[in-house]
Amino acid sequence: MTAKQIAIDGPAGAGKSTVAKLVAARLSYLYIDTGAMYRAVALAALRAGLALDDAPALGELARKINIELANEAGDYRVYCDGEDISAAIRTVEVGNAASPVSAVAAVREALVAQQQRLGAKGCVVMDGRDIGDKVLPQAECKVFLTASLAERARRRAQELKEKGQEQDEAAVMHDIAARDERDSTRAHSPLTQTADAVLLDSSNMTIEQVAERILEIAGR
């Protein structure tokens, strides 16, 4: 029987979102991009001029804003207070801001509660940094998706280029390495591989191959 909850964790640039979307589409499951939710808070914080270490203000912001995720004919969109921010949250600036914002306990508590409500319905594929550990600890299928730092930097640089955001690959690698360090060492819900998660290194795999492997792990 195919798992009803599929949790995909892993570091930045591992391809979690792309693979999770594909797996969700194959299973006709709901895809939940938790990283986009933290990026939405980060974008709102930057726009409001909040300091990224102002925990009380960031926590209040996370509780107040309304984040919605929608699948519009196969196109996944992110809305914040009614505004489509799908493109705005994918900049390097917002990505870098999302890491310290996501380290704030009050922010995580606010968003994890939302994520758990969505996940409780079942038939979901959820990706992020603490899904198998904190958000869906009871998930029947847990995958820790990773890739080499060089490969993750190459993929992210290519993704940004395709969106018209030309970035030097060495600079992208530096940013990803810094995010890895912050995500793995933060005090609240650090990035970690749970004991019951299957480690999947996608460095030399295509997106299609990764998706097929996850579907196998999920019991399809």
C-alpha atoms as a PDB file:
ATOM      1  CA  MET A   1       0.000   0.000   0.000  1.00  0.00           C
ATOM      2  CA  THR A   2       1.362   3.423  -0.959  1.00  0.00           C
ATOM      3  CA  ALA A   3       2.336   5.675   1.944  1.00  0.00           C
ATOM      4  CA  LYS A   4      -0.224   8.412   2.645  1.00  0.00           C
ATOM      5  CA  GLN A   5       2.381  10.835   4.006  1.00  0.00           C
ATOM      6  CA  ILE A   6       5.707  11.262   2.206  1.00  0.00           C
ATOM      7  CA  ALA A   7       8.303  13.411   3.970  1.00  0.00           C
ATOM      8  CA  ILE A   8      11.311  14.638   2.009  1.00  0.00           C
ATOM      9  CA  ASP A   9      14.069  16.412   3.918  1.00  0.00           C
ATOM     10  CA  GLY A  10      17.485  17.604   2.825  1.00  0.00           C
ATOM     11  CA  PRO A  11      19.843  20.551   2.382  1.00  0.00           C
ATOM     12  CA  ALA A  12      19.435  23.536   0.057  1.00  0.00           C
ATOM     13  CA  GLY A  13      19.722  22.796  -3.643  1.00  0.00           C
ATOM     14  CA  ALA A  14      19.213  19.026  -3.328  1.00  0.00           C
ATOM     15  CA  GLY A  15      16.201  19.147  -5.657  1.00  0.00           C
ATOM     16  CA  LYS A  16      13.569  18.489  -3.006  1.00  0.00           C
ATOM     17  CA  SER A  17      10.876  20.765  -4.428  1.00  0.00           C
ATOM     18  CA  THR A  18      11.255  19.591  -8.024  1.00  0.00           C
ATOM     19  CA  VAL A  19      11.172  15.927  -7.036  1.00  0.00           C
ATOM     20  CA  ALA A  20       8.375  16.368  -4.508  1.00  0.00           C
ATOM     21  CA  LYS A  21       6.187  18.055  -7.136  1.00  0.00           C
ATOM     22  CA  LEU A  22       6.782  15.186  -9.544  1.00  0.00           C
ATOM     23  CA  VAL A  23       6.052  12.513  -6.936  1.00  0.00           C
ATOM     24  CA  ALA A  24       2.888  14.336  -5.834  1.00  0.00           C
ATOM     25  CA  ALA A  25       1.716  14.616  -9.435  1.00  0.00           C
ATOM     26  CA  ARG A  26       2.322  10.899 -10.058  1.00  0.00           C
ATOM     27  CA  LEU A  27       0.284   9.977  -7.003  1.00  0.00           C
ATOM     28  CA  SER A  28      -2.308  12.774  -7.336  1.00  0.00           C
ATOM     29  CA  TYR A  29      -1.279  13.894  -3.836  1.00  0.00           C
ATOM     30  CA  LEU A  30      -1.177  17.387  -2.376  1.00  0.00           C
ATOM     31  CA  TYR A  31       2.293  18.930  -2.589  1.00  0.00           C
ATOM     32  CA  ILE A  32       3.299  21.173   0.332  1.00  0.00           C
ATOM     33  CA  ASP A  33       6.441  23.285  -0.102  1.00  0.00           C
ATOM     34  CA  THR A  34       7.332  24.256   3.467  1.00  0.00           C
ATOM     35  CA  GLY A  35      10.443  26.079   2.299  1.00  0.00           C
ATOM     36  CA  ALA A  36       8.219  28.444   0.355  1.00  0.00           C
ATOM     37  CA  MET A  37       6.354  29.250   3.558  1.00  0.00           C
ATOM     38  CA  TYR A  38       9.566  30.275   5.333  1.00  0.00           C
ATOM     39  CA  ARG A  39      10.592  32.269   2.283  1.00  0.00           C
ATOM     40  CA  ALA A  40       7.230  34.035   2.411  1.00  0.00           C
ATOM     41  CA  VAL A  41       7.898  35.102   6.003  1.00  0.00           C
ATOM     42  CA  ALA A  42      11.422  36.187   5.035  1.00  0.00           C
ATOM     43  CA  LEU A  43      10.096  38.263   2.134  1.00  0.00           C
ATOM     44  CA  ALA A  44       7.514  39.909   4.379  1.00  0.00           C
ATOM     45  CA  ALA A  45      10.220  40.634   6.965  1.00  0.00           C
ATOM     46  CA  LEU A  46      12.523  42.220   4.383  1.00  0.00           C
ATOM     47  CA  ARG A  47       9.695  44.348   3.025  1.00  0.00           C
ATOM     48  CA  ALA A  48       8.779  45.471   6.546  1.00  0.00           C
ATOM     49  CA  GLY A  49      12.392  46.305   7.335  1.00  0.00           C
ATOM     50  CA  LEU A  50      12.530  43.895  10.267  1.00  0.00           C
ATOM     51  CA  ALA A  51      15.880  42.785  11.641  1.00  0.00           C
ATOM     52  CA  LEU A  52      16.416  39.095  10.895  1.00  0.00           C
ATOM     53  CA  ASP A  53      17.414  38.474  14.505  1.00  0.00           C
ATOM     54  CA  ASP A  54      14.344  40.188  15.999  1.00  0.00           C
ATOM     55  CA  ALA A  55      12.647  36.993  17.174  1.00  0.00           C
ATOM     56  CA  PRO A  56       9.538  38.564  18.778  1.00  0.00           C
ATOM     57  CA  ALA A  57       8.758  40.658  15.683  1.00  0.00           C
ATOM     58  CA  LEU A  58       9.362  37.763  13.296  1.00  0.00           C
ATOM     59  CA  GLY A  59       7.190  35.446  15.364  1.00  0.00           C
ATOM     60  CA  GLU A  60       4.351  37.961  15.384  1.00  0.00           C
ATOM     61  CA  LEU A  61       4.707  38.419  11.627  1.00  0.00           C
ATOM     62  CA  ALA A  62       4.540  34.652  11.004  1.00  0.00           C
ATOM     63  CA  ARG A  63       1.352  34.418  13.053  1.00  0.00           C
ATOM     64  CA  LYS A  64      -0.308  37.353  11.280  1.00  0.00           C
ATOM     65  CA  ILE A  65       0.342  36.807   7.577  1.00  0.00           C
ATOM     66  CA  ASN A  66      -1.840  34.482   5.544  1.00  0.00           C
ATOM     67  CA  ILE A  67       0.160  32.050   3.368  1.00  0.00           C
ATOM     68  CA  GLU A  68      -1.626  29.933   0.791  1.00  0.00           C
ATOM     69  CA  LEU A  69      -0.214  27.282  -1.541  1.00  0.00           C
ATOM     70  CA  ALA A  70      -2.122  26.458  -4.707  1.00  0.00           C
ATOM     71  CA  ASN A  71      -1.799  24.011  -7.579  1.00  0.00           C
ATOM     72  CA  GLU A  72      -3.153  25.840 -10.597  1.00  0.00           C
ATOM     73  CA  ALA A  73      -3.230  23.391 -13.485  1.00  0.00           C
ATOM     74  CA  GLY A  74       0.117  21.909 -12.484  1.00  0.00           C
ATOM     75  CA  ASP A  75       1.665  25.284 -11.716  1.00  0.00           C
ATOM     76  CA  TYR A  76       2.417  25.653  -8.004  1.00  0.00           C
ATOM     77  CA  ARG A  77       1.821  29.168  -6.741  1.00  0.00           C
ATOM     78  CA  VAL A  78       2.495  30.835  -3.389  1.00  0.00           C
ATOM     79  CA  TYR A  79       0.278  33.630  -2.090  1.00  0.00           C
ATOM     80  CA  CYS A  80       0.817  35.915   0.882  1.00  0.00           C
ATOM     81  CA  ASP A  81      -2.152  37.998   1.986  1.00  0.00           C
ATOM     82  CA  GLY A  82      -3.635  37.527  -1.478  1.00  0.00           C
ATOM     83  CA  GLU A  83      -0.500  38.541  -3.417  1.00  0.00           C
ATOM     84  CA  ASP A  84       1.168  36.043  -5.746  1.00  0.00           C
ATOM     85  CA  ILE A  85       4.772  35.963  -4.473  1.00  0.00           C
ATOM     86  CA  SER A  86       5.861  32.824  -6.327  1.00  0.00           C
ATOM     87  CA  ALA A  87       8.663  34.613  -8.183  1.00  0.00           C
ATOM     88  CA  ALA A  88       9.542  37.129  -5.465  1.00  0.00           C
ATOM     89  CA  ILE A  89      10.468  34.438  -2.917  1.00  0.00           C
ATOM     90  CA  ARG A  90      12.940  32.726  -5.252  1.00  0.00           C
ATOM     91  CA  THR A  91      15.602  35.441  -5.269  1.00  0.00           C
ATOM     92  CA  VAL A  92      19.006  34.889  -3.675  1.00  0.00           C
ATOM     93  CA  GLU A  93      18.320  37.667  -1.161  1.00  0.00           C
ATOM     94  CA  VAL A  94      15.122  36.048   0.080  1.00  0.00           C
ATOM     95  CA  GLY A  95      16.719  32.600   0.095  1.00  0.00           C
ATOM     96  CA  ASN A  96      19.548  33.816   2.289  1.00  0.00           C
ATOM     97  CA  ALA A  97      17.119  35.614   4.600  1.00  0.00           C
ATOM     98  CA  ALA A  98      14.929  32.528   4.924  1.00  0.00           C
ATOM     99  CA  SER A  99      17.637  30.593   6.762  1.00  0.00           C
ATOM    100  CA  PRO A 100      17.966  32.912   9.811  1.00  0.00           C
ATOM    101  CA  VAL A 101      14.214  33.539   9.791  1.00  0.00           C
ATOM    102  CA  SER A 102      13.534  29.799   9.884  1.00  0.00           C
ATOM    103  CA  ALA A 103      15.851  29.455  12.888  1.00  0.00           C
ATOM    104  CA  VAL A 104      13.478  31.557  15.011  1.00  0.00           C
ATOM    105  CA  ALA A 105      11.507  29.236  17.288  1.00  0.00           C
ATOM    106  CA  ALA A 106       8.327  31.341  17.194  1.00  0.00           C
ATOM    107  CA  VAL A 107       8.348  31.359  13.388  1.00  0.00           C
ATOM    108  CA  ARG A 108       8.787  27.611  13.213  1.00  0.00           C
ATOM    109  CA  GLU A 109       6.043  27.007  15.768  1.00  0.00           C
ATOM    110  CA  ALA A 110       3.596  29.125  13.771  1.00  0.00           C
ATOM    111  CA  LEU A 111       4.371  27.471  10.431  1.00  0.00           C
ATOM    112  CA  VAL A 112       4.764  23.911  11.736  1.00  0.00           C
ATOM    113  CA  ALA A 113       1.239  24.133  13.170  1.00  0.00           C
ATOM    114  CA  GLN A 114      -0.070  25.081   9.714  1.00  0.00           C
ATOM    115  CA  GLN A 115       1.948  22.318   8.042  1.00  0.00           C
ATOM    116  CA  GLN A 116       0.711  19.680  10.467  1.00  0.00           C
ATOM    117  CA  ARG A 117      -2.910  20.651   9.837  1.00  0.00           C
ATOM    118  CA  LEU A 118      -2.363  20.203   6.111  1.00  0.00           C
ATOM    119  CA  GLY A 119      -0.471  16.950   6.560  1.00  0.00           C
ATOM    120  CA  ALA A 120      -3.082  15.451   8.875  1.00  0.00           C
ATOM    121  CA  LYS A 121      -5.452  15.076   5.923  1.00  0.00           C
ATOM    122  CA  GLY A 122      -3.150  12.488   4.358  1.00  0.00           C
ATOM    123  CA  CYS A 123      -2.183  11.905   0.736  1.00  0.00           C
ATOM    124  CA  VAL A 124       0.518  14.567   0.916  1.00  0.00           C
ATOM    125  CA  VAL A 125       4.104  14.999  -0.209  1.00  0.00           C
ATOM    126  CA  MET A 126       5.877  17.534   1.973  1.00  0.00           C
ATOM    127  CA  ASP A 127       9.444  18.736   1.665  1.00  0.00           C
ATOM    128  CA  GLY A 128      11.639  20.865   3.891  1.00  0.00           C
ATOM    129  CA  ARG A 129      14.307  20.666   6.593  1.00  0.00           C
ATOM    130  CA  ASP A 130      12.457  19.060   9.535  1.00  0.00           C
ATOM    131  CA  ILE A 131       9.495  17.228   8.041  1.00  0.00           C
ATOM    132  CA  GLY A 132      10.340  13.695   9.128  1.00  0.00           C
ATOM    133  CA  ASP A 133      11.534  14.880  12.532  1.00  0.00           C
ATOM    134  CA  LYS A 134       9.108  17.605  13.652  1.00  0.00           C
ATOM    135  CA  VAL A 135       6.258  18.110  11.190  1.00  0.00           C
ATOM    136  CA  LEU A 136       5.285  14.569  10.172  1.00  0.00           C
ATOM    137  CA  PRO A 137       7.166  12.247  12.529  1.00  0.00           C
ATOM    138  CA  GLN A 138       4.557   9.556  11.844  1.00  0.00           C
ATOM    139  CA  ALA A 139       5.002   9.648   8.041  1.00  0.00           C
ATOM    140  CA  GLU A 140       5.129   6.182   6.510  1.00  0.00           C
ATOM    141  CA  CYS A 141       7.755   7.253   3.966  1.00  0.00           C
ATOM    142  CA  LYS A 142      10.731   9.428   4.903  1.00  0.00           C
ATOM    143  CA  VAL A 143      13.535  10.364   2.516  1.00  0.00           C
ATOM    144  CA  PHE A 144      16.636  12.436   3.190  1.00  0.00           C
ATOM    145  CA  LEU A 145      17.563  13.795  -0.233  1.00  0.00           C
ATOM    146  CA  THR A 146      21.036  15.217  -0.726  1.00  0.00           C
ATOM    147  CA  ALA A 147      23.725  15.816  -3.362  1.00  0.00           C
ATOM    148  CA  SER A 148      27.307  17.043  -3.388  1.00  0.00           C
ATOM    149  CA  LEU A 149      27.846  20.724  -2.631  1.00  0.00           C
ATOM    150  CA  ALA A 150      29.259  21.296  -6.116  1.00  0.00           C
ATOM    151  CA  GLU A 151      26.267  19.661  -7.794  1.00  0.00           C
ATOM    152  CA  ARG A 152      23.782  21.562  -5.649  1.00  0.00           C
ATOM    153  CA  ALA A 153      25.524  24.840  -6.508  1.00  0.00           C
ATOM    154  CA  ARG A 154      25.492  23.972 -10.212  1.00  0.00           C
ATOM    155  CA  ARG A 155      21.765  23.205 -10.129  1.00  0.00           C
ATOM    156  CA  ARG A 156      20.887  26.346  -8.188  1.00  0.00           C
ATOM    157  CA  ALA A 157      23.001  28.574 -10.466  1.00  0.00           C
ATOM    158  CA  GLN A 158      21.280  27.061 -13.505  1.00  0.00           C
ATOM    159  CA  GLU A 159      17.863  27.563 -11.922  1.00  0.00           C
ATOM    160  CA  LEU A 160      18.616  31.221 -11.220  1.00  0.00           C
ATOM    161  CA  LYS A 161      19.973  31.717 -14.741  1.00  0.00           C
ATOM    162  CA  GLU A 162      16.770  30.335 -16.231  1.00  0.00           C
ATOM    163  CA  LYS A 163      14.863  32.903 -14.176  1.00  0.00           C
ATOM    164  CA  GLY A 164      17.060  35.750 -15.418  1.00  0.00           C
ATOM    165  CA  GLN A 165      19.025  35.997 -12.169  1.00  0.00           C
ATOM    166  CA  GLU A 166      22.567  35.391 -13.394  1.00  0.00           C
ATOM    167  CA  GLN A 167      24.794  34.317 -10.491  1.00  0.00           C
ATOM    168  CA  ASP A 168      28.429  33.243 -10.284  1.00  0.00           C
ATOM    169  CA  GLU A 169      28.506  29.533  -9.432  1.00  0.00           C
ATOM    170  CA  ALA A 170      31.277  30.007  -6.864  1.00  0.00           C
ATOM    171  CA  ALA A 171      29.194  32.640  -5.088  1.00  0.00           C
ATOM    172  CA  VAL A 172      26.160  30.346  -5.134  1.00  0.00           C
ATOM    173  CA  MET A 173      28.269  27.544  -3.653  1.00  0.00           C
ATOM    174  CA  HIS A 174      29.443  29.867  -0.880  1.00  0.00           C
ATOM    175  CA  ASP A 175      25.840  30.863  -0.088  1.00  0.00           C
ATOM    176  CA  ILE A 176      24.664  27.236  -0.013  1.00  0.00           C
ATOM    177  CA  ALA A 177      27.549  26.181   2.230  1.00  0.00           C
ATOM    178  CA  ALA A 178      26.695  29.001   4.628  1.00  0.00           C
ATOM    179  CA  ARG A 179      23.034  27.952   4.645  1.00  0.00           C
ATOM    180  CA  ASP A 180      24.044  24.343   5.298  1.00  0.00           C
ATOM    181  CA  GLU A 181      25.997  25.497   8.334  1.00  0.00           C
ATOM    182  CA  ARG A 182      23.157  27.644   9.682  1.00  0.00           C
ATOM    183  CA  ASP A 183      20.488  25.007   9.046  1.00  0.00           C
ATOM    184  CA  SER A 184      22.503  22.199  10.646  1.00  0.00           C
ATOM    185  CA  THR A 185      23.620  24.081  13.757  1.00  0.00           C
ATOM    186  CA  ARG A 186      20.564  26.147  14.687  1.00  0.00           C
ATOM    187  CA  ALA A 187      19.205  25.487  18.166  1.00  0.00           C
ATOM    188  CA  HIS A 188      15.584  24.952  17.102  1.00  0.00           C
ATOM    189  CA  SER A 189      14.786  22.064  14.715  1.00  0.00           C
ATOM    190  CA  PRO A 190      18.179  21.747  12.999  1.00  0.00           C
ATOM    191  CA  LEU A 191      18.459  19.934   9.688  1.00  0.00           C
ATOM    192  CA  THR A 192      18.982  16.265  10.475  1.00  0.00           C
ATOM    193  CA  GLN A 193      18.402  12.842   8.975  1.00  0.00           C
ATOM    194  CA  THR A 194      16.049  10.771  11.107  1.00  0.00           C
ATOM    195  CA  ALA A 195      16.953   7.168  11.865  1.00  0.00           C
ATOM    196  CA  ASP A 196      14.000   5.878   9.817  1.00  0.00           C
ATOM    197  CA  ALA A 197      14.673   8.029   6.738  1.00  0.00           C
ATOM    198  CA  VAL A 198      16.175   6.573   3.560  1.00  0.00           C
ATOM    199  CA  LEU A 199      19.299   8.469   2.463  1.00  0.00           C
ATOM    200  CA  LEU A 200      19.175   9.268  -1.248  1.00  0.00           C
ATOM    201  CA  ASP A 201      22.149  10.952  -2.949  1.00  0.00           C
ATOM    202  CA  SER A 202      20.947  12.495  -6.209  1.00  0.00           C
ATOM    203  CA  SER A 203      24.354  13.772  -7.390  1.00  0.00           C
ATOM    204  CA  ASN A 204      24.437  11.387 -10.351  1.00  0.00           C
ATOM    205  CA  MET A 205      20.709  10.859 -10.812  1.00  0.00           C
ATOM    206  CA  THR A 206      18.161  12.548 -13.022  1.00  0.00           C
ATOM    207  CA  ILE A 207      15.015  14.039 -11.509  1.00  0.00           C
ATOM    208  CA  GLU A 208      13.035  11.212 -13.080  1.00  0.00           C
ATOM    209  CA  GLN A 209      15.283   8.590 -11.483  1.00  0.00           C
ATOM    210  CA  VAL A 210      15.002  10.226  -8.062  1.00  0.00           C
ATOM    211  CA  ALA A 211      11.213  10.402  -8.326  1.00  0.00           C
ATOM    212  CA  GLU A 212      10.996   6.735  -9.336  1.00  0.00           C
ATOM    213  CA  ARG A 213      13.182   5.719  -6.394  1.00  0.00           C
ATOM    214  CA  ILE A 214      11.013   7.664  -3.943  1.00  0.00           C
ATOM    215  CA  LEU A 215       7.877   6.082  -5.388  1.00  0.00           C
ATOM    216  CA  GLU A 216       9.475   2.677  -4.798  1.00  0.00           C
ATOM    217  CA  ILE A 217      10.315   3.602  -1.218  1.00  0.00           C
ATOM    218  CA  ALA A 218       6.727   4.842  -0.743  1.00  0.00           C
ATOM    219  CA  GLY A 219       5.414   1.445  -1.779  1.00  0.00           C
ATOM    220  CA  ARG A 220       3.871   2.276  -5.099  1.00  0.00           C
END
